[in-house]
């Protein structure tokens, strides 16, 4: 037997579509249970049109309690939970059950979903994140990648035996449950699109401060009792992921609204500061620097600059009085390399561009860190056919390696200089982007040359002027935004191999175009707007 539990709280206007999506399943449902969690908009008026649908009313106790009510009322072998504003596709339950039958040890099976707008029109292609490591550690590191709860089919008895949903959680209750199951049981996945998540003004995930607090609370629970180092490190990465995502998203939205709705923007910035002052200030600072240009950039950095040079013969070299660098690996052995500070700030600043189908070179770590649940499909290009993470194999400069008009975003960090025919590579990137797609590109300027595997193909270092000329062969100059990052102090530290942790942000943030450590470019392919669609959301709990 198979059951669907539909939970509703003042979403009666969508309830008919949710019920119809259950009635249209390729395998008929044995139980359809609607749990009214204290609504004031009369969901009974919809349910009474369907004699086979059962309605359970309760006082408003929250989504977790409503789902537990449905769980307790069901007698089926398999169960799915659908929020009243969302929809199932006809293959949803049958596909999930088939996966569980094929994997007897699995507690749940999840699939892909897509986004629809308030009127039900499709807004995106499918969203699906595959299992790439231990599911528990992956959920800790990268957030709730399952994302939409309606894609999940559970074994009902196993779910009930684990205690169902935690009623103390007012949001992220699905994330907490997924972690509990992954820690104690087994999870399997398929990539069929089985559900549709509706974007509208009342989505719970729009309350970013509440969602962040709930997500961090879930992670904190994982540290109760003895844990190993892998879990501790994964929780640390997860906290960084959630803070970066929600705070950065809120700050970016506030800055975009500051002219049209200044009062609203100020409220949002205050909220972001309460969530994470460092991430808010980092995001805001780099947004402002892009807007106001070099004059304000110098003002922001002037307090950390020493404009008086010592007399000839009185320079104190100290630890820099050496002919060998302090690190032979760009500073990786000491912490975060200084060039990565600039690269990751650039990607954070443009995180809204990382969505839909995204291509990255070598691995997809930046795709998932900065794009997260906004990424519908993550591709990795690698020249090594044996690389386990690669989805596309080949040399970027060779024709036909990348599909045409395929990607919403391409992330190319510190790679272009390893390709001798850079013009061919840029042309291939332009061809591979969808109209309106965004290339996020970084190249080295002042740098050491790798002593290891990349040394033999380290062909180039570029200035901003050189990169602009190169990109102009394949992109409109009107759609290019280039910047240099670095100064003489930062360059010396980077060449010596000092790590970001050893140098103050204040000094690194001073920009002198004569000393470019990294040159960044945000490039938009001619066509549709590249602005982030309003329907993008993270790990959703409607």
Protein backbone atom coordinates (compact mmCIF):
# COMPACT_ATOMS: atom_id res chain seq x y z
CA UNK A 1 0.00 0.00 0.00
CA UNK A 2 1.10 3.56 -0.79
CA UNK A 3 0.05 6.82 0.89
CA UNK A 4 0.45 10.53 0.21
CA UNK A 5 0.06 12.98 3.10
CA UNK A 6 -0.78 16.54 2.01
CA UNK A 7 -0.17 19.15 4.68
CA UNK A 8 -1.86 22.53 4.40
CA UNK A 9 -1.85 25.79 6.32
CA UNK A 10 -3.81 28.55 4.57
CA UNK A 11 -2.95 27.21 1.12
CA UNK A 12 -6.44 26.17 0.09
CA UNK A 13 -6.07 28.10 -3.18
CA UNK A 14 -3.46 25.52 -4.27
CA UNK A 15 -4.94 22.42 -2.62
CA UNK A 16 -7.01 21.23 -5.58
CA UNK A 17 -3.91 21.05 -7.80
CA UNK A 18 -2.04 19.09 -5.12
CA UNK A 19 -4.87 16.56 -4.76
CA UNK A 20 -5.25 16.21 -8.53
CA UNK A 21 -1.52 15.50 -8.84
CA UNK A 22 -1.98 12.60 -6.39
CA UNK A 23 -5.03 11.24 -8.21
CA UNK A 24 -3.10 11.25 -11.51
CA UNK A 25 -0.31 8.97 -10.31
CA UNK A 26 0.67 6.15 -12.66
CA UNK A 27 0.17 3.79 -9.73
CA UNK A 28 -3.12 4.65 -7.92
CA UNK A 29 -2.76 5.77 -4.30
CA UNK A 30 -4.23 3.61 -1.55
CA UNK A 31 -4.41 6.55 0.87
CA UNK A 32 -4.56 10.31 0.31
CA UNK A 33 -4.62 12.11 3.64
CA UNK A 34 -4.94 15.89 3.97
CA UNK A 35 -3.80 17.32 7.31
CA UNK A 36 -5.19 20.80 8.01
CA UNK A 37 -2.76 22.44 10.43
CA UNK A 38 -5.19 25.05 11.79
CA UNK A 39 -6.03 26.82 8.51
CA UNK A 40 -8.50 29.69 8.37
CA UNK A 41 -9.26 29.37 4.64
CA UNK A 42 -11.52 26.30 4.77
CA UNK A 43 -9.56 23.46 3.09
CA UNK A 44 -12.55 21.18 3.77
CA UNK A 45 -14.37 22.91 0.90
CA UNK A 46 -11.81 21.41 -1.48
CA UNK A 47 -11.40 18.01 0.15
CA UNK A 48 -15.15 17.32 0.19
CA UNK A 49 -15.11 17.25 -3.64
CA UNK A 50 -13.01 14.05 -3.44
CA UNK A 51 -14.76 11.22 -1.54
CA UNK A 52 -11.64 9.07 -1.41
CA UNK A 53 -9.54 11.76 0.27
CA UNK A 54 -9.41 11.82 4.07
CA UNK A 55 -9.25 15.13 6.00
CA UNK A 56 -7.71 15.43 9.47
CA UNK A 57 -8.01 18.78 11.30
CA UNK A 58 -5.74 19.91 14.14
CA UNK A 59 -4.75 23.13 15.88
CA UNK A 60 -1.78 24.89 14.33
CA UNK A 61 1.25 22.97 15.60
CA UNK A 62 3.71 23.40 12.73
CA UNK A 63 4.73 21.42 9.67
CA UNK A 64 6.61 18.68 11.54
CA UNK A 65 3.61 17.93 13.78
CA UNK A 66 1.24 17.96 10.79
CA UNK A 67 3.40 15.45 8.95
CA UNK A 68 3.58 13.24 12.04
CA UNK A 69 -0.22 13.32 12.25
CA UNK A 70 -0.43 12.01 8.71
CA UNK A 71 2.26 9.43 9.40
CA UNK A 72 0.38 8.11 12.42
CA UNK A 73 -2.90 7.93 10.47
CA UNK A 74 -1.46 5.95 7.56
CA UNK A 75 -1.27 2.18 7.37
CA UNK A 76 0.58 1.96 4.06
CA UNK A 77 3.98 0.42 3.36
CA UNK A 78 5.31 3.51 1.59
CA UNK A 79 4.58 7.17 2.21
CA UNK A 80 5.27 10.56 0.61
CA UNK A 81 4.65 14.04 2.04
CA UNK A 82 3.39 16.80 -0.25
CA UNK A 83 2.93 20.45 0.76
CA UNK A 84 -0.39 21.80 -0.48
CA UNK A 85 1.22 24.48 -2.67
CA UNK A 86 3.33 21.92 -4.57
CA UNK A 87 2.55 19.17 -7.09
CA UNK A 88 3.62 15.62 -7.85
CA UNK A 89 4.29 14.45 -11.40
CA UNK A 90 2.55 11.24 -12.50
CA UNK A 91 5.65 9.04 -12.12
CA UNK A 92 6.56 10.27 -8.64
CA UNK A 93 5.39 7.48 -6.34
CA UNK A 94 5.94 4.57 -8.71
CA UNK A 95 9.54 5.61 -9.39
CA UNK A 96 10.36 6.05 -5.72
CA UNK A 97 8.80 2.74 -4.70
CA UNK A 98 10.66 0.95 -7.49
CA UNK A 99 13.95 2.31 -6.11
CA UNK A 100 13.12 1.14 -2.58
CA UNK A 101 12.13 -2.32 -3.80
CA UNK A 102 15.47 -2.56 -5.61
CA UNK A 103 17.34 -1.45 -2.46
CA UNK A 104 15.80 -3.30 0.52
CA UNK A 105 18.10 -1.61 3.06
CA UNK A 106 17.16 1.93 1.99
CA UNK A 107 14.86 4.00 4.21
CA UNK A 108 14.15 6.64 1.58
CA UNK A 109 14.56 7.30 -2.13
CA UNK A 110 14.67 10.83 -3.53
CA UNK A 111 14.50 12.20 -7.06
CA UNK A 112 14.65 15.43 -9.03
CA UNK A 113 12.27 18.38 -9.01
CA UNK A 114 11.66 21.60 -10.92
CA UNK A 115 10.26 25.01 -10.03
CA UNK A 116 6.90 26.48 -11.01
CA UNK A 117 5.51 29.96 -10.39
CA UNK A 118 2.37 30.95 -8.52
CA UNK A 119 0.17 30.23 -11.52
CA UNK A 120 1.74 26.82 -12.13
CA UNK A 121 3.93 27.67 -15.15
CA UNK A 122 7.28 25.86 -15.27
CA UNK A 123 10.18 28.14 -14.28
CA UNK A 124 13.22 25.84 -14.45
CA UNK A 125 14.70 22.61 -15.71
CA UNK A 126 15.23 19.80 -13.27
CA UNK A 127 17.16 20.14 -10.03
CA UNK A 128 19.00 17.08 -8.77
CA UNK A 129 22.17 16.56 -6.75
CA UNK A 130 23.65 13.08 -6.93
CA UNK A 131 25.22 11.22 -4.02
CA UNK A 132 28.98 11.73 -4.34
CA UNK A 133 30.18 10.58 -0.90
CA UNK A 134 28.79 9.24 2.37
CA UNK A 135 25.26 10.76 2.38
CA UNK A 136 25.57 11.87 5.99
CA UNK A 137 28.80 13.80 5.41
CA UNK A 138 27.48 15.20 2.13
CA UNK A 139 24.36 16.51 3.86
CA UNK A 140 26.51 18.08 6.57
CA UNK A 141 28.92 19.75 4.15
CA UNK A 142 26.63 20.99 1.40
CA UNK A 143 23.27 21.48 3.07
CA UNK A 144 19.96 19.87 2.23
CA UNK A 145 20.80 18.83 -1.32
CA UNK A 146 17.65 16.66 -1.47
CA UNK A 147 15.99 20.08 -1.40
CA UNK A 148 12.33 19.25 -2.12
CA UNK A 149 10.61 16.92 0.32
CA UNK A 150 7.93 15.77 -2.13
CA UNK A 151 10.57 13.96 -4.21
CA UNK A 152 11.09 11.55 -1.31
CA UNK A 153 9.35 8.21 -0.82
CA UNK A 154 9.84 6.56 2.60
CA UNK A 155 9.33 3.12 4.03
CA UNK A 156 6.60 4.11 6.48
CA UNK A 157 7.42 1.63 9.25
CA UNK A 158 11.12 2.52 9.23
CA UNK A 159 10.29 6.22 9.32
CA UNK A 160 7.89 5.74 12.23
CA UNK A 161 10.45 3.63 14.10
CA UNK A 162 12.95 6.50 13.82
CA UNK A 163 10.47 8.85 15.49
CA UNK A 164 9.17 10.71 12.44
CA UNK A 165 9.73 14.47 12.29
CA UNK A 166 11.18 16.50 15.16
CA UNK A 167 8.29 18.70 16.34
CA UNK A 168 10.69 21.08 18.07
CA UNK A 169 11.83 22.24 14.62
CA UNK A 170 9.71 25.05 13.13
CA UNK A 171 11.66 24.83 9.88
CA UNK A 172 14.37 22.58 8.38
CA UNK A 173 12.60 19.60 9.94
CA UNK A 174 13.17 17.67 6.72
CA UNK A 175 16.92 18.44 6.80
CA UNK A 176 17.12 17.17 10.39
CA UNK A 177 15.26 13.99 9.44
CA UNK A 178 17.45 13.35 6.38
CA UNK A 179 20.56 13.62 8.56
CA UNK A 180 19.08 11.27 11.15
CA UNK A 181 18.24 8.71 8.47
CA UNK A 182 21.61 9.07 6.71
CA UNK A 183 23.39 8.51 10.03
CA UNK A 184 21.40 5.41 10.95
CA UNK A 185 20.11 4.05 7.66
CA UNK A 186 20.49 4.16 3.91
CA UNK A 187 19.50 6.66 1.19
CA UNK A 188 19.18 6.03 -2.56
CA UNK A 189 18.44 8.37 -5.44
CA UNK A 190 17.28 8.59 -9.04
CA UNK A 191 17.29 11.58 -11.38
CA UNK A 192 13.73 11.48 -12.74
CA UNK A 193 11.77 14.72 -12.24
CA UNK A 194 8.95 13.72 -9.89
CA UNK A 195 7.73 16.92 -8.22
CA UNK A 196 7.21 20.65 -8.75
CA UNK A 197 8.05 23.28 -6.13
CA UNK A 198 5.91 26.39 -6.36
CA UNK A 199 7.53 29.81 -5.84
CA UNK A 200 5.21 32.42 -4.38
CA UNK A 201 5.36 35.22 -1.83
CA UNK A 202 4.42 33.08 1.17
CA UNK A 203 7.21 30.48 0.95
CA UNK A 204 8.73 29.80 4.36
CA UNK A 205 12.20 29.79 2.79
CA UNK A 206 11.86 33.55 2.15
CA UNK A 207 12.47 34.12 5.88
CA UNK A 208 16.22 33.80 5.63
CA UNK A 209 17.13 34.58 9.24
CA UNK A 210 14.72 31.91 10.49
CA UNK A 211 15.99 29.38 7.95
CA UNK A 212 19.63 30.08 8.85
CA UNK A 213 18.97 29.73 12.57
CA UNK A 214 17.16 26.44 11.99
CA UNK A 215 19.87 25.04 9.71
CA UNK A 216 22.62 25.91 12.20
CA UNK A 217 20.57 24.36 14.99
CA UNK A 218 20.31 21.13 13.02
CA UNK A 219 24.09 21.08 12.54
CA UNK A 220 24.73 21.76 16.22
CA UNK A 221 22.62 18.72 17.11
CA UNK A 222 25.05 16.53 15.18
CA UNK A 223 27.82 17.37 17.66
CA UNK A 224 25.87 16.13 20.68
CA UNK A 225 27.84 13.18 21.98
CA UNK A 226 31.07 11.66 20.64
CA UNK A 227 31.83 12.40 16.97
CA UNK A 228 34.85 11.74 14.80
CA UNK A 229 36.98 14.34 13.06
CA UNK A 230 35.26 13.82 9.69
CA UNK A 231 31.90 14.78 11.18
CA UNK A 232 33.36 17.74 13.06
CA UNK A 233 35.00 19.09 9.90
CA UNK A 234 31.85 18.47 7.84
CA UNK A 235 29.75 20.41 10.37
CA UNK A 236 32.25 23.28 10.19
CA UNK A 237 31.96 23.32 6.38
CA UNK A 238 28.18 23.12 6.64
CA UNK A 239 27.97 26.12 8.97
CA UNK A 240 30.07 28.11 6.52
CA UNK A 241 27.85 26.99 3.64
CA UNK A 242 24.58 28.02 5.30
CA UNK A 243 25.92 31.37 6.56
CA UNK A 244 27.43 32.22 3.21
CA UNK A 245 24.30 31.25 1.33
CA UNK A 246 21.59 32.96 3.37
CA UNK A 247 23.55 36.05 4.44
CA UNK A 248 25.10 36.63 1.03
CA UNK A 249 21.74 36.20 -0.71
CA UNK A 250 20.03 38.66 1.63
CA UNK A 251 22.82 41.25 1.36
CA UNK A 252 22.86 41.08 -2.43
CA UNK A 253 19.08 41.47 -2.61
CA UNK A 254 19.23 44.45 -0.23
CA UNK A 255 21.86 46.26 -2.29
CA UNK A 256 19.87 45.71 -5.47
CA UNK A 257 16.82 47.29 -3.80
CA UNK A 258 18.58 50.24 -2.21
CA UNK A 259 17.57 52.82 -4.84
CA UNK A 260 14.00 51.73 -5.44
CA UNK A 261 13.13 50.73 -1.85
CA UNK A 262 15.73 52.23 0.51
CA UNK A 263 13.78 51.61 3.73
CA UNK A 264 13.28 47.95 2.85
CA UNK A 265 16.93 47.61 1.83
CA UNK A 266 18.13 49.03 5.15
CA UNK A 267 15.91 46.59 7.06
CA UNK A 268 17.33 43.72 5.05
CA UNK A 269 20.93 44.85 5.66
CA UNK A 270 20.27 45.06 9.40
CA UNK A 271 18.87 41.56 9.29
CA UNK A 272 21.91 40.32 7.34
CA UNK A 273 24.26 41.92 9.88
CA UNK A 274 22.49 40.06 12.66
CA UNK A 275 22.94 36.81 10.73
CA UNK A 276 26.67 37.21 9.99
CA UNK A 277 28.46 40.57 10.18
CA UNK A 278 31.64 39.36 8.37
CA UNK A 279 29.79 37.88 5.38
CA UNK A 280 27.46 40.89 5.16
CA UNK A 281 30.35 43.34 5.21
CA UNK A 282 32.37 41.26 2.78
CA UNK A 283 29.52 41.02 0.30
CA UNK A 284 28.53 44.67 0.68
CA UNK A 285 32.10 45.93 0.43
CA UNK A 286 32.74 44.17 -2.84
CA UNK A 287 29.40 45.23 -4.28
CA UNK A 288 30.12 48.84 -3.37
CA UNK A 289 33.62 48.67 -4.79
CA UNK A 290 32.23 47.50 -8.11
CA UNK A 291 29.80 50.44 -8.16
CA UNK A 292 31.89 53.38 -7.07
CA UNK A 293 35.20 52.63 -8.73
CA UNK A 294 38.80 53.10 -7.80
CA UNK A 295 38.41 56.41 -5.92
CA UNK A 296 36.33 54.93 -3.11
CA UNK A 297 38.40 51.77 -3.23
CA UNK A 298 41.47 53.84 -2.33
CA UNK A 299 39.52 55.55 0.46
CA UNK A 300 38.46 52.18 1.84
CA UNK A 301 42.03 50.94 1.82
CA UNK A 302 43.93 54.12 2.66
CA UNK A 303 44.00 53.52 6.41
CA UNK A 304 46.05 50.39 5.87
CA UNK A 305 48.58 51.92 3.49
CA UNK A 306 51.99 53.31 4.43
CA UNK A 307 52.78 56.04 1.93
CA UNK A 308 56.19 56.98 3.36
CA UNK A 309 59.08 54.94 1.95
CA UNK A 310 62.12 54.32 4.19
CA UNK A 311 65.38 56.02 3.31
CA UNK A 312 67.82 54.29 0.99
CA UNK A 313 69.87 51.85 3.01
CA UNK A 314 67.45 51.68 5.93
CA UNK A 315 65.03 49.03 4.62
CA UNK A 316 64.58 46.15 7.07
CA UNK A 317 64.01 42.92 5.17
CA UNK A 318 63.35 40.68 8.15
CA UNK A 319 61.82 37.32 7.19
CA UNK A 320 61.75 38.36 3.54
CA UNK A 321 65.58 38.41 3.35
CA UNK A 322 65.69 35.01 1.67
CA UNK A 323 66.08 33.67 -1.85
CA UNK A 324 63.71 30.75 -1.33
CA UNK A 325 59.99 31.30 -0.65
CA UNK A 326 58.43 30.41 2.66
CA UNK A 327 56.13 28.00 0.80
CA UNK A 328 56.73 26.12 -2.42
CA UNK A 329 52.98 25.47 -2.90
CA UNK A 330 51.45 28.97 -3.11
CA UNK A 331 50.76 28.90 0.66
CA UNK A 332 48.50 25.83 0.70
CA UNK A 333 50.72 24.27 3.36
CA UNK A 334 50.22 27.33 5.59
CA UNK A 335 46.51 27.98 5.05
CA UNK A 336 44.47 29.57 2.26
CA UNK A 337 46.60 30.99 -0.59
CA UNK A 338 46.23 34.73 -1.02
CA UNK A 339 45.04 34.45 -4.61
CA UNK A 340 42.18 32.24 -3.40
CA UNK A 341 41.03 35.06 -1.13
CA UNK A 342 40.48 37.25 -4.19
CA UNK A 343 38.99 34.42 -6.26
CA UNK A 344 36.50 33.35 -3.60
CA UNK A 345 35.45 36.93 -2.88
CA UNK A 346 34.78 37.35 -6.60
CA UNK A 347 32.67 34.19 -6.72
CA UNK A 348 30.80 35.17 -3.56
CA UNK A 349 30.06 38.55 -5.09
CA UNK A 350 28.62 36.85 -8.17
CA UNK A 351 27.08 33.81 -6.49
CA UNK A 352 23.66 34.74 -7.90
CA UNK A 353 25.00 33.87 -11.38
CA UNK A 354 25.81 30.29 -10.34
CA UNK A 355 22.54 28.52 -11.07
CA UNK A 356 20.87 26.21 -13.54
CA UNK A 357 23.33 24.08 -15.48
CA UNK A 358 26.87 24.97 -14.42
CA UNK A 359 30.24 23.90 -15.83
CA UNK A 360 33.45 24.01 -13.81
CA UNK A 361 36.91 22.80 -14.73
CA UNK A 362 38.70 20.09 -12.74
CA UNK A 363 36.07 19.65 -10.03
CA UNK A 364 32.79 21.23 -8.92
CA UNK A 365 33.79 22.48 -5.47
CA UNK A 366 33.09 26.16 -6.23
CA UNK A 367 29.89 25.26 -8.08
CA UNK A 368 28.43 23.54 -5.05
CA UNK A 369 29.86 25.92 -2.45
CA UNK A 370 28.60 29.12 -4.06
CA UNK A 371 25.70 27.76 -6.13
CA UNK A 372 24.47 25.02 -3.82
CA UNK A 373 20.82 24.12 -4.30
CA UNK A 374 20.46 26.66 -7.11
CA UNK A 375 22.45 24.34 -9.38
CA UNK A 376 20.18 22.14 -11.47
CA UNK A 377 23.02 20.18 -13.07
CA UNK A 378 26.74 20.31 -12.32
CA UNK A 379 29.21 19.37 -15.07
CA UNK A 380 32.97 18.96 -14.69
CA UNK A 381 35.39 19.22 -17.62
CA UNK A 382 38.71 17.42 -17.27
CA UNK A 383 41.45 16.41 -19.70
CA UNK A 384 42.04 13.14 -17.83
CA UNK A 385 39.60 10.42 -18.95
CA UNK A 386 40.22 8.55 -15.68
CA UNK A 387 39.11 11.43 -13.45
CA UNK A 388 36.13 10.08 -11.46
CA UNK A 389 34.40 13.47 -11.19
CA UNK A 390 34.52 14.38 -14.87
CA UNK A 391 31.29 14.46 -16.86
CA UNK A 392 32.97 15.90 -19.97
CA UNK A 393 36.43 14.81 -21.16
CA UNK A 394 38.64 16.87 -23.45
CA UNK A 395 40.82 19.88 -24.13
CA UNK A 396 38.92 23.16 -23.85
CA UNK A 397 40.75 24.60 -26.85
CA UNK A 398 39.64 21.78 -29.16
CA UNK A 399 36.39 22.20 -31.12
CA UNK A 400 33.38 20.06 -30.26
CA UNK A 401 34.38 19.22 -26.69
CA UNK A 402 31.64 21.32 -25.09
CA UNK A 403 27.96 21.30 -26.15
CA UNK A 404 26.62 24.50 -27.72
CA UNK A 405 24.26 26.88 -25.90
CA UNK A 406 24.14 24.53 -22.92
CA UNK A 407 25.28 26.29 -19.75
CA UNK A 408 23.74 29.00 -17.61
CA UNK A 409 27.10 29.59 -15.95
CA UNK A 410 30.73 28.53 -16.51
CA UNK A 411 33.26 28.85 -13.68
CA UNK A 412 36.86 28.99 -14.95
CA UNK A 413 39.30 29.84 -12.17
CA UNK A 414 43.08 29.92 -12.70
CA UNK A 415 42.92 27.59 -15.70
CA UNK A 416 43.00 29.64 -18.90
CA UNK A 417 46.74 30.33 -18.52
CA UNK A 418 47.40 26.59 -18.83
CA UNK A 419 46.00 26.54 -22.39
CA UNK A 420 48.37 27.72 -25.09
CA UNK A 421 45.63 28.63 -27.57
CA UNK A 422 43.63 30.84 -25.22
CA UNK A 423 41.63 32.42 -28.06
CA UNK A 424 40.26 29.04 -29.11
CA UNK A 425 39.37 28.24 -25.51
CA UNK A 426 37.51 31.55 -25.05
CA UNK A 427 35.63 30.96 -28.31
CA UNK A 428 34.60 27.51 -27.04
CA UNK A 429 33.37 29.00 -23.76
CA UNK A 430 31.29 31.59 -25.62
CA UNK A 431 29.76 28.90 -27.81
CA UNK A 432 28.95 26.70 -24.80
CA UNK A 433 27.07 29.38 -22.86
CA UNK A 434 23.35 29.83 -23.30
CA UNK A 435 22.23 33.28 -24.49
CA UNK A 436 22.39 35.39 -21.36
CA UNK A 437 24.70 32.84 -19.69
CA UNK A 438 27.55 34.08 -17.50
CA UNK A 439 31.26 33.26 -17.58
CA UNK A 440 32.99 33.80 -14.22
CA UNK A 441 36.68 33.85 -15.08
CA UNK A 442 39.87 34.43 -13.10
CA UNK A 443 43.44 34.45 -14.42
CA UNK A 444 46.81 34.92 -12.71
CA UNK A 445 48.86 38.09 -12.99
CA UNK A 446 51.80 38.25 -10.59
CA UNK A 447 52.45 34.69 -9.51
CA UNK A 448 54.94 31.94 -8.97
CA UNK A 449 54.94 29.14 -11.53
CA UNK A 450 53.81 25.75 -10.29
CA UNK A 451 56.70 23.43 -9.48
CA UNK A 452 54.53 20.33 -9.93
CA UNK A 453 52.28 18.85 -12.59
CA UNK A 454 51.15 22.18 -14.08
CA UNK A 455 54.61 23.68 -14.54
CA UNK A 456 55.10 22.31 -18.04
CA UNK A 457 51.85 23.91 -19.28
CA UNK A 458 52.01 27.18 -17.34
CA UNK A 459 52.10 29.34 -20.47
CA UNK A 460 50.73 32.75 -19.52
CA UNK A 461 50.17 35.51 -16.98
CA UNK A 462 47.75 38.25 -17.99
CA UNK A 463 47.04 41.90 -17.28
CA UNK A 464 43.54 43.34 -17.30
CA UNK A 465 44.21 44.94 -20.69
CA UNK A 466 45.38 41.63 -22.17
CA UNK A 467 42.37 39.74 -20.84
CA UNK A 468 40.00 42.38 -22.17
CA UNK A 469 41.49 42.07 -25.66
CA UNK A 470 41.28 38.30 -25.49
CA UNK A 471 37.63 38.22 -24.39
CA UNK A 472 36.60 40.86 -26.93
CA UNK A 473 37.29 38.37 -29.73
CA UNK A 474 34.29 36.30 -28.63
CA UNK A 475 32.12 38.52 -26.40
CA UNK A 476 30.63 42.00 -26.60
CA UNK A 477 32.71 44.49 -24.62
CA UNK A 478 29.45 45.98 -23.30
CA UNK A 479 28.84 42.72 -21.42
CA UNK A 480 32.28 42.47 -19.77
CA UNK A 481 33.22 43.60 -16.25
CA UNK A 482 36.94 43.17 -15.47
CA UNK A 483 38.86 44.01 -12.30
CA UNK A 484 42.36 43.58 -10.91
CA UNK A 485 43.02 42.50 -7.34
CA UNK A 486 46.22 43.03 -5.39
CA UNK A 487 48.91 45.51 -4.45
CA UNK A 488 52.67 45.39 -3.94
CA UNK A 489 52.43 44.15 -0.36
CA UNK A 490 49.94 41.42 -1.25
CA UNK A 491 52.05 40.41 -4.26
CA UNK A 492 55.21 40.03 -2.17
CA UNK A 493 53.32 37.99 0.43
CA UNK A 494 51.80 35.80 -2.30
CA UNK A 495 55.17 35.22 -4.00
CA UNK A 496 56.67 34.23 -0.66
CA UNK A 497 53.82 31.77 -0.12
CA UNK A 498 52.24 33.40 2.91
CA UNK A 499 48.68 32.35 3.64
CA UNK A 500 45.59 34.53 3.84
CA UNK A 501 45.42 33.91 7.60
CA UNK A 502 48.80 35.67 8.05
CA UNK A 503 47.78 38.93 6.34
CA UNK A 504 45.04 41.41 7.23
CA UNK A 505 42.05 41.85 4.93
CA UNK A 506 42.59 45.62 5.17
CA UNK A 507 45.91 45.37 3.36
CA UNK A 508 44.77 42.74 0.88
CA UNK A 509 41.74 44.86 -0.10
CA UNK A 510 43.83 47.84 -1.22
CA UNK A 511 43.92 47.73 -5.01
CA UNK A 512 46.81 48.90 -7.13
CA UNK A 513 46.36 48.03 -10.80
CA UNK A 514 50.13 48.01 -11.27
CA UNK A 515 50.35 44.84 -9.15
CA UNK A 516 47.62 42.45 -10.31
CA UNK A 517 47.72 39.13 -8.46
CA UNK A 518 44.40 38.05 -9.96
CA UNK A 519 42.35 39.50 -12.81
CA UNK A 520 38.64 38.66 -12.67
CA UNK A 521 36.00 38.89 -15.38
CA UNK A 522 32.24 38.52 -15.33
CA UNK A 523 31.15 38.12 -18.93
CA UNK A 524 27.59 37.74 -20.21
CA UNK A 525 26.82 36.16 -23.56
CA UNK A 526 24.55 38.26 -25.75
CA UNK A 527 20.92 37.24 -25.54
CA UNK A 528 18.47 36.92 -22.67
CA UNK A 529 19.10 38.71 -19.41
CA UNK A 530 21.56 37.01 -17.09
CA UNK A 531 19.92 38.34 -13.94
CA UNK A 532 19.11 35.64 -11.43
CA UNK A 533 15.52 34.44 -11.81
CA UNK A 534 13.28 35.19 -8.87
CA UNK A 535 12.37 31.53 -8.63
CA UNK A 536 15.77 30.45 -7.38
CA UNK A 537 15.70 29.07 -3.85
CA UNK A 538 17.88 26.99 -1.62
CA UNK A 539 16.88 23.95 0.40
CA UNK A 540 13.19 24.55 0.60
CA UNK A 541 10.67 23.80 3.30
CA UNK A 542 7.43 25.35 2.12
